[in-house]
């Protein structure tokens, strides 16, 4: 018996991997350390829900950085 095709897992990764230690998020994709570690274990629905939060996280992170400058 042969396995079917492997389903690709969606990822918001933009290949800019740097975790801000103060915030605990990757400043490329804005996933948390826990999310990065568990990404392949999450269901498609869990990954999609996280994906919906990422633009807001990015906006909040950038606003906070601007406020500190």
PDB file of N, CA and C in Angstrom:
ATOM      1  N   UNK A   1       0.846  -1.177   0.000  1.00  0.00           N
ATOM      2  CA  UNK A   1       0.000   0.000   0.000  1.00  0.00           C
ATOM      3  C   UNK A   1       0.893   1.242   0.000  1.00  0.00           C
ATOM      4  N   UNK A   2       0.591   2.198  -0.851  1.00  0.00           N
ATOM      5  CA  UNK A   2       1.391   3.423  -0.916  1.00  0.00           C
ATOM      6  C   UNK A   2       0.596   4.585  -0.334  1.00  0.00           C
ATOM      7  N   UNK A   3       1.342   5.518   0.223  1.00  0.00           N
ATOM      8  CA  UNK A   3       0.710   6.703   0.796  1.00  0.00           C
ATOM      9  C   UNK A   3       0.344   7.673  -0.319  1.00  0.00           C
ATOM     10  N   UNK A   4      -0.680   8.450  -0.077  1.00  0.00           N
ATOM     11  CA  UNK A   4      -1.083   9.462  -1.040  1.00  0.00           C
ATOM     12  C   UNK A   4      -0.138  10.652  -0.988  1.00  0.00           C
ATOM     13  N   UNK A   5      -0.440  11.662  -1.760  1.00  0.00           N
ATOM     14  CA  UNK A   5       0.421  12.843  -1.778  1.00  0.00           C
ATOM     15  C   UNK A   5       0.425  13.538  -0.419  1.00  0.00           C
ATOM     16  N   UNK A   6       1.554  14.105  -0.088  1.00  0.00           N
ATOM     17  CA  UNK A   6       1.694  14.814   1.182  1.00  0.00           C
ATOM     18  C   UNK A   6       1.048  16.191   1.033  1.00  0.00           C
ATOM     19  N   UNK A   7       0.212  16.524   1.968  1.00  0.00           N
ATOM     20  CA  UNK A   7      -0.474  17.812   1.942  1.00  0.00           C
ATOM     21  C   UNK A   7       0.465  18.886   2.506  1.00  0.00           C
ATOM     22  N   UNK A   8       0.625  19.963   1.768  1.00  0.00           N
ATOM     23  CA  UNK A   8       1.474  21.063   2.233  1.00  0.00           C
ATOM     24  C   UNK A   8       0.779  21.784   3.383  1.00  0.00           C
ATOM     25  N   UNK A   9       1.589  22.229   4.334  1.00  0.00           N
ATOM     26  CA  UNK A   9       1.067  22.972   5.467  1.00  0.00           C
ATOM     27  C   UNK A   9       1.287  24.460   5.211  1.00  0.00           C
ATOM     28  N   UNK A  10       0.223  25.239   5.255  1.00  0.00           N
ATOM     29  CA  UNK A  10       0.335  26.676   5.067  1.00  0.00           C
ATOM     30  C   UNK A  10       1.157  27.281   6.201  1.00  0.00           C
ATOM     31  N   UNK A  11       1.985  28.250   5.836  1.00  0.00           N
ATOM     32  CA  UNK A  11       2.796  28.944   6.827  1.00  0.00           C
ATOM     33  C   UNK A  11       2.889  30.419   6.458  1.00  0.00           C
ATOM     34  N   UNK A  12       2.823  31.298   7.455  1.00  0.00           N
ATOM     35  CA  UNK A  12       2.961  32.730   7.189  1.00  0.00           C
ATOM     36  C   UNK A  12       4.426  33.170   7.140  1.00  0.00           C
ATOM     37  N   UNK A  13       5.345  32.227   7.207  1.00  0.00           N
ATOM     38  CA  UNK A  13       6.768  32.539   7.242  1.00  0.00           C
ATOM     39  C   UNK A  13       7.168  33.354   6.014  1.00  0.00           C
ATOM     40  N   UNK A  14       7.928  34.425   6.253  1.00  0.00           N
ATOM     41  CA  UNK A  14       8.430  35.267   5.169  1.00  0.00           C
ATOM     42  C   UNK A  14       9.954  35.197   5.094  1.00  0.00           C
ATOM     43  N   UNK A  15      10.540  34.219   5.778  1.00  0.00           N
ATOM     44  CA  UNK A  15      11.983  33.978   5.780  1.00  0.00           C
ATOM     45  C   UNK A  15      12.767  35.137   6.389  1.00  0.00           C
ATOM     46  N   UNK A  16      12.140  35.850   7.315  1.00  0.00           N
ATOM     47  CA  UNK A  16      12.798  36.892   8.108  1.00  0.00           C
ATOM     48  C   UNK A  16      12.616  36.457   9.553  1.00  0.00           C
ATOM     49  N   UNK A  17      13.482  35.561  10.001  1.00  0.00           N
ATOM     50  CA  UNK A  17      13.310  34.924  11.296  1.00  0.00           C
ATOM     51  C   UNK A  17      14.167  35.600  12.363  1.00  0.00           C
ATOM     52  N   UNK A  18      13.514  36.409  13.162  1.00  0.00           N
ATOM     53  CA  UNK A  18      14.160  37.040  14.301  1.00  0.00           C
ATOM     54  C   UNK A  18      13.099  37.170  15.381  1.00  0.00           C
ATOM     55  N   UNK A  19      13.339  36.576  16.524  1.00  0.00           N
ATOM     56  CA  UNK A  19      12.388  36.652  17.630  1.00  0.00           C
ATOM     57  C   UNK A  19      12.795  37.812  18.530  1.00  0.00           C
ATOM     58  N   UNK A  20      11.880  38.748  18.694  1.00  0.00           N
ATOM     59  CA  UNK A  20      12.103  39.871  19.607  1.00  0.00           C
ATOM     60  C   UNK A  20      12.002  39.294  21.016  1.00  0.00           C
ATOM     61  N   UNK A  21      13.104  39.284  21.763  1.00  0.00           N
ATOM     62  CA  UNK A  21      13.072  38.649  23.084  1.00  0.00           C
ATOM     63  C   UNK A  21      12.143  39.344  24.069  1.00  0.00           C
ATOM     64  N   UNK A  22      11.953  40.634  23.923  1.00  0.00           N
ATOM     65  CA  UNK A  22      11.068  41.365  24.835  1.00  0.00           C
ATOM     66  C   UNK A  22       9.605  41.026  24.579  1.00  0.00           C
ATOM     67  N   UNK A  23       9.268  40.803  23.325  1.00  0.00           N
ATOM     68  CA  UNK A  23       7.865  40.541  22.957  1.00  0.00           C
ATOM     69  C   UNK A  23       7.569  39.059  22.765  1.00  0.00           C
ATOM     70  N   UNK A  24       8.600  38.263  22.518  1.00  0.00           N
ATOM     71  CA  UNK A  24       8.394  36.825  22.322  1.00  0.00           C
ATOM     72  C   UNK A  24       7.702  36.478  21.026  1.00  0.00           C
ATOM     73  N   UNK A  25       7.870  37.324  19.995  1.00  0.00           N
ATOM     74  CA  UNK A  25       7.281  37.048  18.690  1.00  0.00           C
ATOM     75  C   UNK A  25       8.335  37.190  17.606  1.00  0.00           C
ATOM     76  N   UNK A  26       8.152  36.446  16.538  1.00  0.00           N
ATOM     77  CA  UNK A  26       8.996  36.583  15.366  1.00  0.00           C
ATOM     78  C   UNK A  26       8.582  37.866  14.655  1.00  0.00           C
ATOM     79  N   UNK A  27       9.539  38.737  14.351  1.00  0.00           N
ATOM     80  CA  UNK A  27       9.200  40.005  13.702  1.00  0.00           C
ATOM     81  C   UNK A  27       9.050  39.851  12.189  1.00  0.00           C
ATOM     82  N   UNK A  28       9.188  38.643  11.685  1.00  0.00           N
ATOM     83  CA  UNK A  28       8.912  38.378  10.281  1.00  0.00           C
ATOM     84  C   UNK A  28       7.467  37.969  10.069  1.00  0.00           C
ATOM     85  N   UNK A  29       7.000  37.029  10.886  1.00  0.00           N
ATOM     86  CA  UNK A  29       5.634  36.500  10.703  1.00  0.00           C
ATOM     87  C   UNK A  29       4.706  36.801  11.875  1.00  0.00           C
ATOM     88  N   UNK A  30       5.264  37.223  12.988  1.00  0.00           N
ATOM     89  CA  UNK A  30       4.518  37.597  14.202  1.00  0.00           C
ATOM     90  C   UNK A  30       3.849  36.435  14.917  1.00  0.00           C
ATOM     91  N   UNK A  31       4.395  35.230  14.710  1.00  0.00           N
ATOM     92  CA  UNK A  31       3.959  34.098  15.522  1.00  0.00           C
ATOM     93  C   UNK A  31       4.757  34.096  16.820  1.00  0.00           C
ATOM     94  N   UNK A  32       4.133  33.570  17.873  1.00  0.00           N
ATOM     95  CA  UNK A  32       4.816  33.452  19.156  1.00  0.00           C
ATOM     96  C   UNK A  32       5.763  32.265  19.125  1.00  0.00           C
ATOM     97  N   UNK A  33       6.630  32.193  20.125  1.00  0.00           N
ATOM     98  CA  UNK A  33       7.541  31.057  20.216  1.00  0.00           C
ATOM     99  C   UNK A  33       6.771  29.744  20.298  1.00  0.00           C
ATOM    100  N   UNK A  34       5.709  29.716  21.075  1.00  0.00           N
ATOM    101  CA  UNK A  34       4.902  28.496  21.191  1.00  0.00           C
ATOM    102  C   UNK A  34       4.289  28.123  19.847  1.00  0.00           C
ATOM    103  N   UNK A  35       3.760  29.117  19.140  1.00  0.00           N
ATOM    104  CA  UNK A  35       3.166  28.842  17.829  1.00  0.00           C
ATOM    105  C   UNK A  35       4.208  28.320  16.847  1.00  0.00           C
ATOM    106  N   UNK A  36       5.391  28.901  16.869  1.00  0.00           N
ATOM    107  CA  UNK A  36       6.463  28.425  15.991  1.00  0.00           C
ATOM    108  C   UNK A  36       6.797  26.964  16.293  1.00  0.00           C
ATOM    109  N   UNK A  37       6.900  26.648  17.559  1.00  0.00           N
ATOM    110  CA  UNK A  37       7.263  25.293  17.966  1.00  0.00           C
ATOM    111  C   UNK A  37       6.178  24.270  17.631  1.00  0.00           C
ATOM    112  N   UNK A  38       4.924  24.661  17.741  1.00  0.00           N
ATOM    113  CA  UNK A  38       3.821  23.719  17.566  1.00  0.00           C
ATOM    114  C   UNK A  38       3.170  23.775  16.185  1.00  0.00           C
ATOM    115  N   UNK A  39       3.675  24.606  15.292  1.00  0.00           N
ATOM    116  CA  UNK A  39       2.996  24.894  14.026  1.00  0.00           C
ATOM    117  C   UNK A  39       2.553  23.646  13.276  1.00  0.00           C
ATOM    118  N   UNK A  40       3.424  22.676  13.122  1.00  0.00           N
ATOM    119  CA  UNK A  40       3.055  21.484  12.354  1.00  0.00           C
ATOM    120  C   UNK A  40       2.089  20.575  13.104  1.00  0.00           C
ATOM    121  N   UNK A  41       1.944  20.774  14.409  1.00  0.00           N
ATOM    122  CA  UNK A  41       1.008  19.966  15.190  1.00  0.00           C
ATOM    123  C   UNK A  41      -0.401  20.562  15.198  1.00  0.00           C
ATOM    124  N   UNK A  42      -0.514  21.839  14.857  1.00  0.00           N
ATOM    125  CA  UNK A  42      -1.834  22.477  14.838  1.00  0.00           C
ATOM    126  C   UNK A  42      -2.668  21.938  13.679  1.00  0.00           C
ATOM    127  N   UNK A  43      -3.972  21.979  13.852  1.00  0.00           N
ATOM    128  CA  UNK A  43      -4.876  21.616  12.760  1.00  0.00           C
ATOM    129  C   UNK A  43      -4.921  22.773  11.754  1.00  0.00           C
ATOM    130  N   UNK A  44      -5.463  22.499  10.581  1.00  0.00           N
ATOM    131  CA  UNK A  44      -5.623  23.566   9.586  1.00  0.00           C
ATOM    132  C   UNK A  44      -6.449  24.712  10.158  1.00  0.00           C
ATOM    133  N   UNK A  45      -7.482  24.385  10.922  1.00  0.00           N
ATOM    134  CA  UNK A  45      -8.345  25.410  11.507  1.00  0.00           C
ATOM    135  C   UNK A  45      -7.590  26.256  12.530  1.00  0.00           C
ATOM    136  N   UNK A  46      -6.751  25.620  13.327  1.00  0.00           N
ATOM    137  CA  UNK A  46      -5.958  26.373  14.303  1.00  0.00           C
ATOM    138  C   UNK A  46      -4.962  27.295  13.610  1.00  0.00           C
ATOM    139  N   UNK A  47      -4.290  26.787  12.569  1.00  0.00           N
ATOM    140  CA  UNK A  47      -3.357  27.629  11.832  1.00  0.00           C
ATOM    141  C   UNK A  47      -4.082  28.794  11.167  1.00  0.00           C
ATOM    142  N   UNK A  48      -5.258  28.542  10.625  1.00  0.00           N
ATOM    143  CA  UNK A  48      -6.035  29.606   9.983  1.00  0.00           C
ATOM    144  C   UNK A  48      -6.440  30.674  10.996  1.00  0.00           C
ATOM    145  N   UNK A  49      -6.851  30.262  12.177  1.00  0.00           N
ATOM    146  CA  UNK A  49      -7.250  31.216  13.220  1.00  0.00           C
ATOM    147  C   UNK A  49      -6.063  32.082  13.636  1.00  0.00           C
ATOM    148  N   UNK A  50      -4.915  31.471  13.789  1.00  0.00           N
ATOM    149  CA  UNK A  50      -3.713  32.232  14.133  1.00  0.00           C
ATOM    150  C   UNK A  50      -3.387  33.193  12.993  1.00  0.00           C
ATOM    151  N   UNK A  51      -3.480  32.699  11.770  1.00  0.00           N
ATOM    152  CA  UNK A  51      -3.201  33.531  10.596  1.00  0.00           C
ATOM    153  C   UNK A  51      -4.056  34.781  10.544  1.00  0.00           C
ATOM    154  N   UNK A  52      -5.292  34.670  10.982  1.00  0.00           N
ATOM    155  CA  UNK A  52      -6.179  35.841  10.997  1.00  0.00           C
ATOM    156  C   UNK A  52      -5.726  36.890  12.012  1.00  0.00           C
ATOM    157  N   UNK A  53      -5.048  36.461  13.073  1.00  0.00           N
ATOM    158  CA  UNK A  53      -4.562  37.379  14.111  1.00  0.00           C
ATOM    159  C   UNK A  53      -3.266  38.090  13.730  1.00  0.00           C
ATOM    160  N   UNK A  54      -2.513  37.527  12.805  1.00  0.00           N
ATOM    161  CA  UNK A  54      -1.169  38.027  12.533  1.00  0.00           C
ATOM    162  C   UNK A  54      -1.111  39.471  12.033  1.00  0.00           C
ATOM    163  N   UNK A  55      -1.983  39.919  11.136  1.00  0.00           N
ATOM    164  CA  UNK A  55      -1.911  41.329  10.717  1.00  0.00           C
ATOM    165  C   UNK A  55      -2.106  42.300  11.882  1.00  0.00           C
ATOM    166  N   UNK A  56      -3.001  41.988  12.797  1.00  0.00           N
ATOM    167  CA  UNK A  56      -3.206  42.829  13.972  1.00  0.00           C
ATOM    168  C   UNK A  56      -2.000  42.843  14.881  1.00  0.00           C
ATOM    169  N   UNK A  57      -1.367  41.686  15.030  1.00  0.00           N
ATOM    170  CA  UNK A  57      -0.149  41.613  15.842  1.00  0.00           C
ATOM    171  C   UNK A  57       0.957  42.464  15.229  1.00  0.00           C
ATOM    172  N   UNK A  58       1.087  42.380  13.907  1.00  0.00           N
ATOM    173  CA  UNK A  58       2.121  43.154  13.220  1.00  0.00           C
ATOM    174  C   UNK A  58       1.879  44.644  13.405  1.00  0.00           C
ATOM    175  N   UNK A  59       0.648  45.059  13.246  1.00  0.00           N
ATOM    176  CA  UNK A  59       0.295  46.473  13.406  1.00  0.00           C
ATOM    177  C   UNK A  59       0.570  46.947  14.833  1.00  0.00           C
ATOM    178  N   UNK A  60       0.168  46.163  15.815  1.00  0.00           N
ATOM    179  CA  UNK A  60       0.391  46.525  17.222  1.00  0.00           C
ATOM    180  C   UNK A  60       1.883  46.585  17.540  1.00  0.00           C
ATOM    181  N   UNK A  61       2.642  45.635  17.017  1.00  0.00           N
ATOM    182  CA  UNK A  61       4.086  45.609  17.255  1.00  0.00           C
ATOM    183  C   UNK A  61       4.743  46.861  16.675  1.00  0.00           C
ATOM    184  N   UNK A  62       4.395  47.196  15.451  1.00  0.00           N
ATOM    185  CA  UNK A  62       4.989  48.372  14.795  1.00  0.00           C
ATOM    186  C   UNK A  62       4.587  49.665  15.512  1.00  0.00           C
ATOM    187  N   UNK A  63       3.340  49.759  15.934  1.00  0.00           N
ATOM    188  CA  UNK A  63       2.895  50.949  16.669  1.00  0.00           C
ATOM    189  C   UNK A  63       3.640  51.088  17.983  1.00  0.00           C
ATOM    190  N   UNK A  64       3.852  49.981  18.657  1.00  0.00           N
ATOM    191  CA  UNK A  64       4.577  50.009  19.927  1.00  0.00           C
ATOM    192  C   UNK A  64       6.026  50.430  19.702  1.00  0.00           C
ATOM    193  N   UNK A  65       6.640  49.943  18.636  1.00  0.00           N
ATOM    194  CA  UNK A  65       8.033  50.334  18.329  1.00  0.00           C
ATOM    195  C   UNK A  65       8.116  51.825  18.013  1.00  0.00           C
ATOM    196  N   UNK A  66       7.161  52.334  17.273  1.00  0.00           N
ATOM    197  CA  UNK A  66       7.151  53.767  16.944  1.00  0.00           C
ATOM    198  C   UNK A  66       6.958  54.616  18.181  1.00  0.00           C
ATOM    199  N   UNK A  67       6.131  54.143  19.097  1.00  0.00           N
ATOM    200  CA  UNK A  67       5.870  54.894  20.333  1.00  0.00           C
ATOM    201  C   UNK A  67       7.134  54.971  21.205  1.00  0.00           C
ATOM    202  N   UNK A  68       7.955  53.926  21.159  1.00  0.00           N
ATOM    203  CA  UNK A  68       9.188  53.912  21.941  1.00  0.00           C
ATOM    204  C   UNK A  68      10.268  54.793  21.315  1.00  0.00           C
ATOM    205  N   UNK A  69      10.180  55.029  20.018  1.00  0.00           N
ATOM    206  CA  UNK A  69      11.234  55.803  19.324  1.00  0.00           C
ATOM    207  C   UNK A  69      11.141  57.292  19.581  1.00  0.00           C
TER     208      UNK A  69
END
